[in-house]
Protein backbone atom coordinates (compact mmCIF):
# COMPACT_ATOMS: atom_id res chain seq x y z
CA MET A 1 111.33 91.87 81.43
CA THR A 2 114.80 92.62 82.74
CA CYS A 3 117.13 92.71 79.71
CA ASP A 4 117.33 92.98 75.94
CA HIS A 5 117.08 89.19 75.66
CA CYS A 6 113.65 89.49 77.29
CA GLU A 7 112.73 92.14 74.74
CA ARG A 8 113.56 89.82 71.85
CA THR A 9 111.73 86.87 73.43
CA VAL A 10 108.56 88.86 74.06
CA GLY A 11 108.76 90.38 70.58
CA ARG A 12 108.95 86.93 68.99
CA ALA A 13 106.04 85.74 71.14
CA LEU A 14 103.89 88.63 69.95
CA GLN A 15 104.81 87.95 66.33
CA SER A 16 103.95 84.27 66.74
CA ALA A 17 100.45 85.36 67.78
CA GLY A 18 100.10 87.38 64.59
CA ALA A 19 101.09 90.83 65.86
CA LYS A 20 102.82 93.21 63.46
CA GLN A 21 105.35 95.98 64.19
CA ALA A 22 106.00 94.37 67.59
CA GLU A 23 108.53 96.19 69.77
CA ALA A 24 109.21 95.44 73.46
CA ASP A 25 111.09 97.63 75.96
CA PHE A 26 112.35 96.01 79.17
CA ARG A 27 112.96 99.40 80.82
CA SER A 28 109.31 100.42 80.72
CA SER A 29 108.02 96.80 80.84
CA GLU A 30 105.82 97.64 77.87
CA ALA A 31 105.39 96.44 74.31
CA THR A 32 103.68 98.05 71.33
CA PHE A 33 102.26 96.20 68.34
CA GLU A 34 99.53 96.11 65.70
CA PHE A 35 97.05 93.26 66.11
CA GLU A 36 93.64 92.34 64.76
CA GLY A 37 92.19 89.92 67.27
CA GLU A 38 91.37 89.43 70.93
CA ALA A 39 93.55 90.70 73.75
CA SER A 40 93.39 87.26 75.33
CA GLU A 41 95.35 85.81 72.40
CA ILE A 42 98.20 88.26 73.03
CA ALA A 43 98.16 87.56 76.76
CA ALA A 44 98.33 83.81 76.13
CA ALA A 45 101.32 84.19 73.80
CA VAL A 46 103.23 86.24 76.37
CA ARG A 47 102.36 83.79 79.13
CA ASP A 48 103.51 80.82 77.01
CA ALA A 49 106.86 82.59 76.57
CA GLY A 50 107.32 82.58 80.34
CA TYR A 51 106.30 86.15 81.15
CA SER A 52 103.38 87.68 83.04
CA PRO A 53 101.21 89.74 80.69
CA GLY A 54 100.00 93.13 81.84
CA LYS A 55 96.99 95.11 80.71
CA VAL A 56 96.46 95.31 76.95
CA GLU A 57 95.45 98.84 75.95
CA THR A 58 94.22 99.94 72.53
CA LEU A 59 95.69 103.18 71.20
CA GLN A 60 93.73 104.90 68.46
CA ALA A 61 95.92 106.85 66.07
CA GLU A 62 94.50 109.71 64.03
CA PRO A 63 94.13 108.48 60.44
CA VAL A 64 96.18 110.02 57.69
CA ILE A 65 94.03 112.46 55.70
CA LEU A 66 95.35 112.48 52.17
CA SER A 67 95.16 115.80 50.35
CA GLY A 68 92.27 116.20 47.96
CA ARG A 69 89.80 114.74 50.49
CA SER A 70 90.00 117.55 53.03
CA GLY A 71 90.33 120.73 51.01
CA VAL A 72 94.10 121.09 51.43
CA ASP A 73 96.89 121.26 48.88
CA TYR A 74 99.28 119.18 50.97
CA ASP A 75 99.13 117.11 54.13
CA LEU A 76 102.45 118.58 55.30
CA VAL A 77 104.41 121.62 54.16
CA ALA A 78 107.86 122.25 55.63
CA ILE A 79 109.20 125.80 55.59
CA GLY A 80 112.97 125.55 55.19
CA ALA A 81 114.81 122.80 53.32
CA GLY A 82 117.41 121.52 55.76
CA SER A 83 117.89 118.21 57.51
CA ALA A 84 114.81 118.60 59.74
CA ALA A 85 112.58 119.27 56.74
CA PHE A 86 113.94 116.38 54.70
CA ALA A 87 113.68 113.90 57.58
CA ALA A 88 110.07 115.01 58.11
CA ALA A 89 109.28 114.84 54.41
CA ILE A 90 110.70 111.34 54.05
CA ARG A 91 108.78 110.03 57.07
CA ALA A 92 105.53 111.74 56.07
CA THR A 93 105.81 110.46 52.49
CA ASN A 94 106.38 106.93 53.78
CA LEU A 95 103.20 107.35 55.84
CA GLY A 96 101.26 108.14 52.68
CA ALA A 97 101.13 111.91 52.97
CA HIS A 98 101.40 114.48 50.19
CA VAL A 99 104.35 116.71 51.08
CA ALA A 100 106.06 119.90 49.93
CA ILE A 101 109.08 121.85 51.15
CA VAL A 102 109.43 125.62 50.74
CA GLU A 103 112.93 127.12 50.53
CA ARG A 104 113.86 130.76 49.89
CA ASN A 105 117.60 130.23 49.58
CA THR A 106 119.63 127.06 48.98
CA VAL A 107 118.32 123.54 49.57
CA GLY A 108 120.25 121.60 52.23
CA GLY A 109 120.21 123.90 55.23
CA THR A 110 123.12 124.74 57.49
CA CYS A 111 124.88 121.38 57.69
CA VAL A 112 125.62 120.65 54.07
CA ASN A 113 125.95 124.25 52.87
CA VAL A 114 127.70 126.28 55.56
CA GLY A 115 128.11 124.03 58.61
CA CYS A 116 129.22 120.46 59.22
CA ILE A 117 130.27 119.44 55.72
CA PRO A 118 132.37 122.43 54.59
CA SER A 119 133.92 123.10 58.00
CA LYS A 120 135.02 119.50 58.54
CA ASN A 121 136.37 119.32 55.00
CA LEU A 122 138.50 122.40 55.67
CA LEU A 123 139.52 121.08 59.09
CA ALA A 124 140.75 117.84 57.53
CA ALA A 125 142.64 119.72 54.82
CA SER A 126 144.22 122.16 57.25
CA GLU A 127 145.22 119.36 59.63
CA THR A 128 147.01 117.59 56.77
CA TYR A 129 148.95 120.75 55.96
CA HIS A 130 149.85 121.44 59.59
CA HIS A 131 150.90 117.85 60.23
CA ALA A 132 153.33 117.97 57.31
CA GLY A 133 155.47 120.41 59.23
CA HIS A 134 154.80 119.25 62.77
CA HIS A 135 154.78 115.46 62.93
CA PRO A 136 156.69 113.67 65.73
CA PHE A 137 158.32 110.83 63.79
CA ALA A 138 162.06 110.43 63.37
CA GLY A 139 163.58 109.78 59.96
CA ILE A 140 160.72 111.29 57.96
CA SER A 141 161.14 114.61 56.18
CA SER A 142 158.14 116.57 54.97
CA SER A 143 157.56 120.16 54.03
CA GLN A 144 154.84 122.78 53.72
CA ASP A 145 154.92 124.37 50.28
CA GLY A 146 152.24 127.00 50.87
CA VAL A 147 148.46 127.15 50.67
CA ASP A 148 146.35 127.92 47.59
CA MET A 149 143.20 129.16 49.34
CA GLY A 150 141.32 129.51 46.07
CA ALA A 151 141.87 125.85 45.20
CA LEU A 152 141.02 124.81 48.76
CA ILE A 153 137.73 126.73 48.76
CA ASP A 154 136.85 125.41 45.30
CA MET A 155 137.45 121.84 46.51
CA LYS A 156 135.20 122.48 49.50
CA ALA A 157 132.50 123.85 47.21
CA GLY A 158 132.67 120.70 45.10
CA ILE A 159 132.13 118.46 48.13
CA VAL A 160 129.19 120.62 49.24
CA SER A 161 127.60 120.55 45.79
CA LYS A 162 127.99 116.78 45.50
CA LEU A 163 126.39 116.04 48.87
CA ARG A 164 123.63 118.62 48.37
CA LYS A 165 122.64 116.80 45.21
CA GLU A 166 122.98 113.24 46.54
CA LYS A 167 121.52 113.75 50.02
CA TYR A 168 118.86 116.36 49.29
CA LEU A 169 117.86 117.13 45.70
CA ASP A 170 118.03 113.52 44.50
CA LEU A 171 116.07 112.35 47.54
CA ALA A 172 113.25 114.78 46.84
CA GLU A 173 112.94 113.29 43.38
CA HIS A 174 113.19 109.73 44.73
CA TYR A 175 110.44 110.16 47.34
CA GLY A 176 108.31 112.39 45.16
CA PHE A 177 107.83 115.42 47.38
CA GLU A 178 107.83 118.88 45.86
CA ILE A 179 110.37 121.64 46.51
CA ILE A 180 108.85 125.10 46.12
CA THR A 181 111.22 128.04 45.72
CA GLY A 182 110.19 131.25 47.44
CA SER A 183 109.60 133.02 50.75
CA ALA A 184 106.80 131.69 52.93
CA ARG A 185 104.66 133.71 55.33
CA PHE A 186 101.56 132.74 57.26
CA THR A 187 98.30 134.37 56.21
CA SER A 188 96.07 132.33 58.55
CA PRO A 189 96.43 129.36 60.93
CA GLU A 190 95.96 127.03 57.95
CA THR A 191 97.50 128.88 55.00
CA ILE A 192 100.75 130.40 53.84
CA ASP A 193 101.68 132.53 50.89
CA VAL A 194 104.82 131.66 48.98
CA ASP A 195 105.45 134.84 47.06
CA VAL A 196 102.17 135.06 45.05
CA ARG A 197 101.05 131.46 45.59
CA LYS A 198 98.60 130.57 48.38
CA ILE A 199 99.00 127.11 49.96
CA ARG A 200 96.66 125.36 52.37
CA ALA A 201 97.99 122.36 54.31
CA GLY A 202 96.83 119.95 56.97
CA HIS A 203 100.02 120.70 58.92
CA PHE A 204 103.03 122.95 58.59
CA LEU A 205 106.57 122.41 59.88
CA ILE A 206 108.73 125.41 60.70
CA SER A 207 112.26 124.23 59.93
CA THR A 208 113.95 127.49 59.05
CA GLY A 209 117.16 126.76 60.96
CA SER A 210 119.56 129.25 62.51
CA ALA A 211 122.07 131.89 61.47
CA PRO A 212 125.28 133.26 63.00
CA TRP A 213 124.62 135.83 65.72
CA ALA A 214 126.83 138.77 66.55
CA PRO A 215 126.53 140.56 69.90
CA PRO A 216 125.92 144.33 69.98
CA ILE A 217 129.57 145.35 70.31
CA GLU A 218 130.45 148.99 69.65
CA GLY A 219 132.06 149.43 66.24
CA LEU A 220 131.72 145.79 65.20
CA ALA A 221 129.29 146.26 62.33
CA GLU A 222 131.08 149.37 61.07
CA SER A 223 134.49 147.67 61.13
CA GLY A 224 133.28 144.58 59.34
CA TYR A 225 133.69 141.03 60.54
CA LEU A 226 133.65 137.41 59.44
CA THR A 227 131.26 134.68 60.54
CA SER A 228 131.81 130.95 60.21
CA THR A 229 129.89 131.19 56.92
CA THR A 230 131.86 134.01 55.30
CA ALA A 231 135.22 132.84 56.67
CA MET A 232 134.86 129.63 54.67
CA GLU A 233 134.61 131.65 51.45
CA LEU A 234 137.89 133.55 51.81
CA LYS A 235 140.04 133.09 48.71
CA GLU A 236 143.12 134.61 50.38
CA LEU A 237 144.61 133.50 53.68
CA PRO A 238 144.61 136.34 56.23
CA GLU A 239 147.89 137.09 57.95
CA SER A 240 146.23 137.32 61.36
CA MET A 241 142.81 136.86 62.95
CA VAL A 242 141.06 137.50 66.25
CA VAL A 243 138.28 135.03 67.01
CA ILE A 244 135.60 136.30 69.40
CA GLY A 245 134.17 133.23 71.13
CA GLY A 246 135.85 130.12 72.49
CA ASN A 247 133.16 127.48 72.14
CA TYR A 248 133.12 124.82 69.43
CA ILE A 249 132.64 127.08 66.39
CA GLY A 250 135.38 129.47 67.48
CA LEU A 251 137.76 126.64 68.33
CA GLU A 252 137.21 124.80 65.04
CA MET A 253 137.43 127.87 62.81
CA GLY A 254 140.37 129.27 64.74
CA GLN A 255 142.29 126.06 64.28
CA VAL A 256 141.47 125.85 60.56
CA PHE A 257 143.22 129.16 59.95
CA ALA A 258 146.02 128.56 62.45
CA ASN A 259 146.77 125.22 60.77
CA LEU A 260 147.10 127.01 57.43
CA GLY A 261 149.47 129.66 58.82
CA THR A 262 147.30 132.51 60.10
CA LYS A 263 148.32 133.98 63.48
CA VAL A 264 145.19 133.42 65.57
CA THR A 265 144.06 134.75 68.95
CA ILE A 266 140.87 133.42 70.58
CA VAL A 267 139.11 135.78 73.01
CA GLU A 268 136.50 134.23 75.33
CA ALA A 269 134.31 136.10 77.83
CA LEU A 270 133.99 133.17 80.25
CA ASP A 271 136.80 131.89 82.44
CA ARG A 272 137.74 129.04 80.09
CA ILE A 273 137.37 127.95 76.48
CA ALA A 274 135.13 124.97 75.71
CA PRO A 275 133.02 126.17 78.67
CA LEU A 276 130.40 123.42 78.38
CA GLU A 277 132.98 120.68 78.85
CA GLU A 278 134.67 119.29 81.94
CA PRO A 279 137.37 121.64 83.33
CA GLU A 280 140.07 119.04 82.59
CA ILE A 281 139.02 119.03 78.93
CA SER A 282 139.15 122.83 78.75
CA GLU A 283 142.60 122.85 80.35
CA TRP A 284 143.91 120.34 77.85
CA MET A 285 142.50 122.26 74.87
CA THR A 286 144.04 125.49 76.15
CA ARG A 287 147.42 123.78 76.47
CA ILE A 288 147.16 122.22 73.00
CA LEU A 289 146.18 125.46 71.26
CA THR A 290 148.84 127.44 73.11
CA ASP A 291 151.52 124.91 72.13
CA GLN A 292 150.38 125.35 68.53
CA GLY A 293 150.95 129.08 68.79
CA ILE A 294 147.32 130.13 69.11
CA GLY A 295 146.69 132.86 71.65
CA VAL A 296 143.99 131.99 74.19
CA VAL A 297 142.58 134.81 76.30
CA THR A 298 139.76 134.03 78.75
CA GLY A 299 137.70 136.15 81.11
CA ALA A 300 137.85 138.91 78.49
CA LYS A 301 134.69 140.84 77.63
CA VAL A 302 134.94 142.55 74.25
CA THR A 303 133.78 146.17 74.58
CA ARG A 304 134.47 147.60 71.12
CA VAL A 305 136.04 146.95 67.73
CA GLU A 306 137.97 149.51 65.71
CA GLY A 307 138.39 149.46 61.94
CA GLY A 308 141.23 150.59 59.73
CA GLU A 309 144.01 148.87 57.82
CA ARG A 310 144.28 146.55 60.78
CA LYS A 311 141.27 145.91 62.95
CA ALA A 312 141.49 146.07 66.72
CA VAL A 313 139.44 144.18 69.30
CA ILE A 314 139.39 145.89 72.69
CA ALA A 315 138.42 143.81 75.72
CA GLU A 316 138.30 144.15 79.49
CA ALA A 317 140.17 141.39 81.31
CA SER A 318 141.08 141.29 85.00
CA GLY A 319 140.15 144.95 85.36
CA GLN A 320 142.46 146.04 82.55
CA GLU A 321 141.86 147.02 78.94
CA ARG A 322 143.59 144.82 76.39
CA ARG A 323 143.96 145.44 72.67
CA PHE A 324 144.25 142.71 70.02
CA GLU A 325 145.06 143.74 66.45
CA ALA A 326 144.58 141.57 63.37
CA ALA A 327 143.78 141.63 59.68
CA GLU A 328 140.41 139.95 60.28
CA VAL A 329 137.93 139.52 63.11
CA LEU A 330 135.82 136.37 63.19
CA VAL A 331 132.72 136.40 65.41
CA ALA A 332 131.82 132.95 66.76
CA THR A 333 129.35 133.78 69.52
CA GLY A 334 126.66 131.28 68.59
CA ARG A 335 123.69 130.96 66.29
CA ARG A 336 120.10 132.15 66.69
CA PRO A 337 116.83 130.78 65.23
CA VAL A 338 115.67 132.30 61.92
CA LEU A 339 112.03 133.44 62.15
CA ASP A 340 112.05 136.69 60.21
CA GLY A 341 109.36 137.28 57.60
CA LEU A 342 107.11 134.38 58.64
CA ASP A 343 104.27 136.54 60.04
CA LEU A 344 103.85 134.10 62.91
CA ASP A 345 101.07 136.11 64.54
CA LYS A 346 98.81 135.59 61.52
CA GLY A 347 99.36 131.87 61.90
CA GLY A 348 98.40 131.89 65.57
CA ILE A 349 101.98 131.04 66.54
CA GLU A 350 103.34 132.59 69.72
CA THR A 351 106.89 133.32 70.79
CA ASP A 352 108.26 133.86 74.30
CA GLU A 353 109.93 136.97 75.72
CA ARG A 354 113.20 136.01 73.99
CA GLY A 355 111.50 135.67 70.62
CA SER A 356 111.75 131.86 70.60
CA LEU A 357 108.92 129.60 69.52
CA VAL A 358 106.64 128.33 72.28
CA LEU A 359 106.57 124.54 71.84
CA ASP A 360 105.03 121.63 73.71
CA ASP A 361 106.77 118.31 74.33
CA GLU A 362 105.54 116.97 70.98
CA LEU A 363 107.03 119.91 69.02
CA HIS A 364 103.67 121.63 68.40
CA THR A 365 103.57 125.42 68.41
CA THR A 366 100.61 127.25 69.94
CA ASN A 367 98.84 126.45 66.67
CA ALA A 368 98.27 122.68 66.84
CA LYS A 369 98.54 122.44 63.05
CA VAL A 370 102.04 123.92 63.06
CA LEU A 371 105.08 122.08 64.43
CA ALA A 372 108.76 122.95 64.49
CA ALA A 373 112.02 121.02 64.15
CA GLY A 374 115.73 121.73 63.92
CA ASP A 375 117.83 124.67 65.09
CA VAL A 376 114.78 126.93 65.10
CA THR A 377 113.43 125.08 68.16
CA GLY A 378 116.29 126.11 70.43
CA ALA A 379 117.30 122.47 70.97
CA PRO A 380 121.00 121.47 70.74
CA GLN A 381 122.14 122.59 67.31
CA PHE A 382 123.29 119.31 65.79
CA VAL A 383 122.19 117.94 62.45
CA TYR A 384 121.27 114.60 64.01
CA VAL A 385 118.98 116.38 66.48
CA ALA A 386 117.31 118.24 63.63
CA ALA A 387 116.74 115.02 61.69
CA ALA A 388 115.36 113.21 64.73
CA GLN A 389 113.03 116.11 65.49
CA GLY A 390 111.84 116.16 61.90
CA THR A 391 110.94 112.48 62.06
CA VAL A 392 109.12 112.91 65.39
CA ALA A 393 107.26 115.97 64.11
CA ALA A 394 106.11 114.09 61.00
CA ASP A 395 104.85 111.18 63.09
CA ASN A 396 102.94 113.57 65.34
CA ALA A 397 101.53 115.60 62.46
CA ILE A 398 100.49 112.76 60.17
CA SER A 399 99.72 109.94 62.62
CA ASN A 400 99.03 111.86 65.86
CA ALA A 401 101.66 109.58 67.40
CA GLY A 402 102.24 111.63 70.55
CA ARG A 403 106.00 111.15 70.37
CA GLU A 404 108.44 113.24 72.43
CA MET A 405 112.16 113.88 72.06
CA ASP A 406 114.65 112.29 74.45
CA TYR A 407 118.03 114.01 74.71
CA ALA A 408 119.34 111.94 77.64
CA ALA A 409 122.23 110.24 75.79
CA LEU A 410 122.96 112.94 73.22
CA PRO A 411 126.64 113.07 72.19
CA ARG A 412 128.53 116.18 71.11
CA VAL A 413 131.83 116.54 69.28
CA THR A 414 134.15 119.47 68.67
CA PHE A 415 136.22 118.57 65.60
CA THR A 416 139.44 120.26 66.60
CA THR A 417 142.76 118.41 66.49
CA PRO A 418 142.48 116.54 68.73
CA ASN A 419 138.71 116.09 69.05
CA ILE A 420 136.63 116.89 72.10
CA ALA A 421 133.70 114.52 72.64
CA ALA A 422 131.20 113.97 75.43
CA VAL A 423 127.91 112.34 76.37
CA GLY A 424 125.83 112.52 79.53
CA PHE A 425 126.45 114.55 82.65
CA THR A 426 129.57 116.40 83.67
CA ASP A 427 130.65 115.96 87.29
CA GLU A 428 128.98 119.27 88.21
CA GLN A 429 125.76 118.44 86.37
CA ALA A 430 125.49 115.03 88.02
CA ARG A 431 125.82 116.55 91.48
CA ALA A 432 123.25 119.21 90.58
CA GLN A 433 120.86 116.37 89.68
CA GLY A 434 121.30 114.92 93.16
CA TYR A 435 123.72 112.11 92.35
CA ASP A 436 126.46 111.09 94.76
CA CYS A 437 129.05 110.51 92.08
CA GLU A 438 132.72 109.75 91.70
CA CYS A 439 134.92 110.37 88.70
CA ARG A 440 138.13 109.08 87.19
CA THR A 441 140.34 110.83 84.67
CA LEU A 442 142.98 108.93 82.69
CA GLU A 443 145.57 110.85 80.71
CA LEU A 444 146.40 109.53 77.25
CA GLU A 445 150.00 108.93 78.30
CA HIS A 446 148.68 105.82 80.09
CA ILE A 447 146.91 104.41 76.99
CA PRO A 448 148.90 102.30 74.48
CA ARG A 449 147.52 103.67 71.20
CA PRO A 450 148.41 107.33 71.82
CA ILE A 451 151.85 106.21 73.03
CA VAL A 452 152.44 104.36 69.75
CA ASN A 453 151.11 107.34 67.77
CA MET A 454 153.49 109.61 69.70
CA ASP A 455 150.60 111.92 70.49
CA THR A 456 149.51 111.66 74.12
CA ARG A 457 147.71 115.00 74.27
CA GLY A 458 144.40 114.52 76.05
CA ALA A 459 142.47 112.39 78.50
CA PHE A 460 139.35 110.32 79.17
CA LYS A 461 136.98 111.01 82.06
CA ILE A 462 134.08 108.91 83.35
CA VAL A 463 131.42 110.21 85.74
CA ALA A 464 129.68 107.40 87.67
CA GLU A 465 127.14 107.01 90.45
CA ARG A 466 129.07 106.03 93.57
CA ALA A 467 126.68 103.41 94.97
CA THR A 468 125.89 101.52 91.76
CA GLY A 469 128.75 102.34 89.41
CA LYS A 470 126.22 103.44 86.78
CA VAL A 471 127.87 105.49 84.06
CA LEU A 472 126.44 109.02 84.05
CA GLY A 473 128.85 110.66 81.63
CA VAL A 474 131.84 109.98 79.38
CA HIS A 475 134.18 112.76 78.28
CA ALA A 476 137.28 112.68 76.09
CA ILE A 477 139.83 114.82 74.34
CA GLY A 478 142.15 113.03 71.97
CA ALA A 479 142.63 111.77 68.44
CA ASN A 480 139.41 110.24 67.09
CA ALA A 481 137.50 110.99 70.29
CA GLY A 482 134.48 111.76 68.12
CA ASP A 483 134.42 108.17 66.89
CA VAL A 484 135.16 106.65 70.29
CA ILE A 485 132.32 108.49 72.06
CA LEU A 486 129.69 106.20 70.51
CA ALA A 487 130.71 103.56 73.06
CA GLY A 488 130.01 106.13 75.75
CA VAL A 489 126.59 106.80 74.23
CA TYR A 490 125.71 103.12 74.56
CA ALA A 491 126.94 103.08 78.16
CA VAL A 492 124.81 106.06 79.16
CA LYS A 493 121.73 105.10 77.13
CA PHE A 494 121.56 101.52 78.34
CA GLY A 495 122.52 102.13 81.95
CA LEU A 496 125.85 100.29 81.92
CA THR A 497 128.16 100.42 84.91
CA ILE A 498 131.89 100.97 85.19
CA HIS A 499 132.13 97.24 85.93
CA ASP A 500 130.36 96.44 82.64
CA LEU A 501 132.88 98.60 80.77
CA ALA A 502 135.89 97.25 82.67
CA ASP A 503 134.85 93.64 82.02
CA THR A 504 134.04 94.08 78.31
CA TRP A 505 136.41 93.20 75.48
CA ALA A 506 138.31 96.14 73.99
CA PRO A 507 140.60 95.68 70.98
CA TYR A 508 144.20 96.41 71.86
CA LEU A 509 145.93 99.43 70.38
CA THR A 510 142.76 101.40 69.72
CA MET A 511 141.63 104.70 71.18
CA ALA A 512 138.40 102.97 72.22
CA GLU A 513 140.44 100.94 74.70
CA GLY A 514 140.75 104.18 76.64
CA ILE A 515 137.15 103.89 77.83
CA LYS A 516 137.79 100.41 79.22
CA LEU A 517 141.03 101.47 80.89
CA THR A 518 139.39 104.53 82.44
CA ALA A 519 136.63 102.30 83.83
CA GLN A 520 139.29 100.01 85.28
CA THR A 521 140.87 102.93 87.16
CA PHE A 522 137.88 102.96 89.53
CA THR A 523 139.23 99.73 91.05
CA THR A 524 142.73 99.22 89.62
CA ASP A 525 145.99 101.06 89.08
CA VAL A 526 146.25 100.53 85.31
CA ASP A 527 149.93 101.52 85.35
CA LYS A 528 150.54 98.25 87.17
CA LEU A 529 148.95 96.18 84.37
CA SER A 530 150.83 94.74 81.42
CA CYS A 531 150.08 96.57 78.20
CA CYS A 532 147.28 94.28 77.01
CA ALA A 533 146.02 92.86 80.31
CA ALA A 534 142.26 92.41 80.44
């Protein structure tokens, strides 16, 4: 097999022979299927389709043991009720397992309660307010009549409540798995206590998520500070704010408040904000935030925080001490796994020297009956990673599927205005992996849609292998970059080349056309093309 057409042809051939759940993969030259019959029948079907059959191997999956037959209360119990737990519970229930989820706080986890949903709602609202006073169009008058933070926060709470019910609580009822309220702790490798209730399960899933982490800075705790969670509950808009941390959480939260009128300064210890992105992306974001009036200070290590009527953040930068005063200090220095109170040692579950769970490639802990999924694993902290891990963990727990996670084409988005989005390797990462690569960067001023929108802030960048043109990474900063990056995901995942992208249709006057145009710059000066030339 050499292409996806081959996959479909082989899949149909297997189905014609009576195979069920047939899936072919041309990259591995393998197919999986369920079949009751002789291997020779499968081989004949593949041969008749014009392909050479390989060896047919039988994989024995561990049968599902339904509770009641093995002395357990549940086949799977998830500890923590976020996206990882719900994905696992849905998959396990569909496999015939009896499932429960234990939650000590609020059902829904980080994303719906204090992460993706509320922050993006506030970002959208704040962008609307900011744009009213800062749009580029002639002949249109608009004004900013002030911000009612109480109403804004109440609106956000309504969205959160609605989605928590529709995407979590209602689903538990639909699929029939139980939600148990209380704090879980292991009492043996096969049992947990939830408050006064003892539960025995065939497998457990640790899906307790993460929480904001604050570094041990002198005076920080005593002075008081905001996190991304508490900042989104403020009913009054602060006059000024210092944000400690210039990665995606700090950038998003800083821009929320700046958009609404707060004077914001972002202080980052590394030499640039958005430090995981390409340098060109970081430079653009610095320029954009600075033009908006947001202070950006890099290479500044915060040494202490002072309280009082106005708080002060003191940092060392370029060998000098600098002082930043503000009404509020927001700490956005990352999130750490939540493992407190679980009594992991009683469950036979080990952690490493950093206190992180020790996991194998199939998400098992050192206790084979206990798996983990979501932010608690230390994997990239995205809700779609948590959900994928939950599904994989359920397959491995209930069906002994032996599945592993693949993060090779994992996209990431920072939902600032404009967005930052990326997938695959940066230039530096590709070279570190041994690739001889070349890159092209195309500023948005060369792309028709941003020109029409009168907003050419940003750029596209493609990292490609020099010899083959294979796309190794796609990076963007610009309006709707988070939506556009899906095309880059396909390019990286399916091994497309810059020539594939350059020769593929792209609708005119879309941001997505930027990927095609950037691919064309490897061989063409796109400034010398007419505006819609293919």
